[in-house]
Amino acid sequence: MRSARVLLVLLAAGCAPMQWAKEGVMPTQANEDAVKCQQDAWREAQLNSWWYTRPLGPIVAHDAAGHAFVVWPGGPFSDPFNDPFLEEGRLAHFCMRSKGYELVPAEPGKKP
């Protein structure tokens, strides 16, 4: 029974809306910084995914011993680290952290 309560509390906490906060910064300035970071992150993620996208179809890869083998599918979706949407979120988060913001739960009654 105790583990069910703990699980319920953790699930409820995971659904809490979050917002970027920094001491001495007004919410409007935080919003402007978040939008700027999001735009820069989108631009960077799109550029990276365009440059590093492999052609569709099979590709030849090499193992640690240097032996060649064919990988199928060898398209842009075969590499989970080449996902522009995940990269965009990571870059936007990094940008806000580098500006000194912390991601905190939003106060009740206020928009995040």
C-alpha atoms as a PDB file:
ATOM      1  CA  MET A   1       0.000   0.000   0.000  1.00  0.00           C
ATOM      2  CA  ARG A   2       2.847   2.365   0.849  1.00  0.00           C
ATOM      3  CA  SER A   3       4.522   1.792  -2.525  1.00  0.00           C
ATOM      4  CA  ALA A   4       1.231   2.634  -4.286  1.00  0.00           C
ATOM      5  CA  ARG A   5       1.093   5.998  -2.483  1.00  0.00           C
ATOM      6  CA  VAL A   6       4.709   6.751  -3.353  1.00  0.00           C
ATOM      7  CA  LEU A   7       4.026   5.889  -6.985  1.00  0.00           C
ATOM      8  CA  LEU A   8       0.943   8.123  -7.007  1.00  0.00           C
ATOM      9  CA  VAL A   9       2.912  11.059  -5.558  1.00  0.00           C
ATOM     10  CA  LEU A  10       5.694  10.575  -8.119  1.00  0.00           C
ATOM     11  CA  LEU A  11       3.217  10.433 -10.992  1.00  0.00           C
ATOM     12  CA  ALA A  12       1.457  13.586  -9.778  1.00  0.00           C
ATOM     13  CA  ALA A  13       4.795  15.394  -9.465  1.00  0.00           C
ATOM     14  CA  GLY A  14       5.723  14.366 -12.997  1.00  0.00           C
ATOM     15  CA  CYS A  15       2.614  16.081 -14.356  1.00  0.00           C
ATOM     16  CA  ALA A  16       3.355  19.439 -12.729  1.00  0.00           C
ATOM     17  CA  PRO A  17       3.837  22.308 -15.202  1.00  0.00           C
ATOM     18  CA  MET A  18       7.383  23.670 -15.215  1.00  0.00           C
ATOM     19  CA  GLN A  19       8.772  27.130 -15.907  1.00  0.00           C
ATOM     20  CA  TRP A  20      12.168  28.763 -16.229  1.00  0.00           C
ATOM     21  CA  ALA A  21      13.056  31.008 -13.286  1.00  0.00           C
ATOM     22  CA  LYS A  22      16.005  33.183 -12.350  1.00  0.00           C
ATOM     23  CA  GLU A  23      16.298  35.416  -9.341  1.00  0.00           C
ATOM     24  CA  GLY A  24      15.747  39.075 -10.194  1.00  0.00           C
ATOM     25  CA  VAL A  25      14.303  38.402 -13.658  1.00  0.00           C
ATOM     26  CA  MET A  26      10.734  39.298 -14.589  1.00  0.00           C
ATOM     27  CA  PRO A  27       8.576  36.585 -16.212  1.00  0.00           C
ATOM     28  CA  THR A  28       8.364  38.577 -19.459  1.00  0.00           C
ATOM     29  CA  GLN A  29      12.167  38.635 -19.743  1.00  0.00           C
ATOM     30  CA  ALA A  30      12.305  34.904 -18.980  1.00  0.00           C
ATOM     31  CA  ASN A  31       9.762  34.302 -21.760  1.00  0.00           C
ATOM     32  CA  GLU A  32      11.798  36.372 -24.220  1.00  0.00           C
ATOM     33  CA  ASP A  33      14.969  34.459 -23.323  1.00  0.00           C
ATOM     34  CA  ALA A  34      13.135  31.125 -23.686  1.00  0.00           C
ATOM     35  CA  VAL A  35      11.804  32.087 -27.125  1.00  0.00           C
ATOM     36  CA  LYS A  36      15.266  33.224 -28.277  1.00  0.00           C
ATOM     37  CA  CYS A  37      16.856  29.995 -27.021  1.00  0.00           C
ATOM     38  CA  GLN A  38      14.134  27.906 -28.687  1.00  0.00           C
ATOM     39  CA  GLN A  39      14.629  29.678 -32.020  1.00  0.00           C
ATOM     40  CA  ASP A  40      18.409  29.293 -31.891  1.00  0.00           C
ATOM     41  CA  ALA A  41      18.070  25.634 -30.895  1.00  0.00           C
ATOM     42  CA  TRP A  42      15.658  24.948 -33.761  1.00  0.00           C
ATOM     43  CA  ARG A  43      18.014  26.553 -36.265  1.00  0.00           C
ATOM     44  CA  GLU A  44      21.034  24.621 -34.998  1.00  0.00           C
ATOM     45  CA  ALA A  45      19.195  21.277 -34.837  1.00  0.00           C
ATOM     46  CA  GLN A  46      17.838  21.657 -38.368  1.00  0.00           C
ATOM     47  CA  LEU A  47      21.255  22.570 -39.741  1.00  0.00           C
ATOM     48  CA  ASN A  48      22.923  19.618 -38.014  1.00  0.00           C
ATOM     49  CA  SER A  49      20.299  17.131 -39.148  1.00  0.00           C
ATOM     50  CA  TRP A  50      20.601  18.340 -42.745  1.00  0.00           C
ATOM     51  CA  TRP A  51      24.402  18.076 -42.795  1.00  0.00           C
ATOM     52  CA  TYR A  52      24.591  14.666 -41.159  1.00  0.00           C
ATOM     53  CA  THR A  53      21.653  12.895 -42.796  1.00  0.00           C
ATOM     54  CA  ARG A  54      22.724   9.726 -44.537  1.00  0.00           C
ATOM     55  CA  PRO A  55      21.104   8.565 -47.770  1.00  0.00           C
ATOM     56  CA  LEU A  56      18.165   6.177 -47.631  1.00  0.00           C
ATOM     57  CA  GLY A  57      18.921   2.558 -48.301  1.00  0.00           C
ATOM     58  CA  PRO A  58      21.611   0.163 -47.159  1.00  0.00           C
ATOM     59  CA  ILE A  59      24.952   1.508 -46.016  1.00  0.00           C
ATOM     60  CA  VAL A  60      28.264  -0.222 -45.442  1.00  0.00           C
ATOM     61  CA  ALA A  61      29.644   0.045 -41.910  1.00  0.00           C
ATOM     62  CA  HIS A  62      32.769  -1.372 -40.274  1.00  0.00           C
ATOM     63  CA  ASP A  63      33.081  -3.195 -36.965  1.00  0.00           C
ATOM     64  CA  ALA A  64      35.936  -2.734 -34.466  1.00  0.00           C
ATOM     65  CA  ALA A  65      38.105  -5.228 -36.375  1.00  0.00           C
ATOM     66  CA  GLY A  66      37.593  -3.365 -39.658  1.00  0.00           C
ATOM     67  CA  HIS A  67      35.290  -5.930 -41.278  1.00  0.00           C
ATOM     68  CA  ALA A  68      32.653  -4.408 -43.542  1.00  0.00           C
ATOM     69  CA  PHE A  69      28.957  -5.259 -43.141  1.00  0.00           C
ATOM     70  CA  VAL A  70      25.718  -3.908 -44.579  1.00  0.00           C
ATOM     71  CA  VAL A  71      23.269  -2.024 -42.349  1.00  0.00           C
ATOM     72  CA  TRP A  72      19.602  -1.750 -43.347  1.00  0.00           C
ATOM     73  CA  PRO A  73      17.847   0.654 -43.126  1.00  0.00           C
ATOM     74  CA  GLY A  74      20.560   3.222 -43.318  1.00  0.00           C
ATOM     75  CA  GLY A  75      18.336   6.268 -43.504  1.00  0.00           C
ATOM     76  CA  PRO A  76      18.071   9.380 -41.395  1.00  0.00           C
ATOM     77  CA  PHE A  77      15.879   7.606 -38.829  1.00  0.00           C
ATOM     78  CA  SER A  78      18.265   4.759 -38.044  1.00  0.00           C
ATOM     79  CA  ASP A  79      20.355   6.856 -35.651  1.00  0.00           C
ATOM     80  CA  PRO A  80      18.501   7.936 -32.483  1.00  0.00           C
ATOM     81  CA  PHE A  81      21.130  10.608 -31.811  1.00  0.00           C
ATOM     82  CA  ASN A  82      20.384  12.301 -35.124  1.00  0.00           C
ATOM     83  CA  ASP A  83      16.810  13.230 -34.189  1.00  0.00           C
ATOM     84  CA  PRO A  84      16.436  17.001 -34.720  1.00  0.00           C
ATOM     85  CA  PHE A  85      13.526  17.230 -32.265  1.00  0.00           C
ATOM     86  CA  LEU A  86      15.490  15.687 -29.386  1.00  0.00           C
ATOM     87  CA  GLU A  87      18.524  17.769 -30.274  1.00  0.00           C
ATOM     88  CA  GLU A  88      16.421  20.949 -30.346  1.00  0.00           C
ATOM     89  CA  GLY A  89      15.100  20.293 -26.842  1.00  0.00           C
ATOM     90  CA  ARG A  90      18.578  19.527 -25.536  1.00  0.00           C
ATOM     91  CA  LEU A  91      20.048  22.689 -27.067  1.00  0.00           C
ATOM     92  CA  ALA A  92      17.215  24.928 -25.796  1.00  0.00           C
ATOM     93  CA  HIS A  93      17.595  23.481 -22.291  1.00  0.00           C
ATOM     94  CA  PHE A  94      21.367  24.045 -22.415  1.00  0.00           C
ATOM     95  CA  CYS A  95      20.888  27.630 -23.604  1.00  0.00           C
ATOM     96  CA  MET A  96      18.557  28.521 -20.742  1.00  0.00           C
ATOM     97  CA  ARG A  97      20.825  26.856 -18.163  1.00  0.00           C
ATOM     98  CA  SER A  98      23.820  28.766 -19.529  1.00  0.00           C
ATOM     99  CA  LYS A  99      21.915  32.019 -18.990  1.00  0.00           C
ATOM    100  CA  GLY A 100      21.484  31.108 -15.318  1.00  0.00           C
ATOM    101  CA  TYR A 101      17.863  29.895 -15.380  1.00  0.00           C
ATOM    102  CA  GLU A 102      16.557  26.932 -13.400  1.00  0.00           C
ATOM    103  CA  LEU A 103      13.590  24.767 -14.387  1.00  0.00           C
ATOM    104  CA  VAL A 104      11.185  24.865 -11.448  1.00  0.00           C
ATOM    105  CA  PRO A 105       7.539  23.836 -10.894  1.00  0.00           C
ATOM    106  CA  ALA A 106       5.137  26.637 -11.878  1.00  0.00           C
ATOM    107  CA  GLU A 107       3.207  28.352  -9.121  1.00  0.00           C
ATOM    108  CA  PRO A 108      -0.478  27.378  -8.968  1.00  0.00           C
ATOM    109  CA  GLY A 109      -2.728  29.850 -10.750  1.00  0.00           C
ATOM    110  CA  LYS A 110       0.062  31.272 -12.914  1.00  0.00           C
ATOM    111  CA  LYS A 111       0.728  30.370 -16.509  1.00  0.00           C
ATOM    112  CA  PRO A 112       4.121  28.711 -17.119  1.00  0.00           C
END
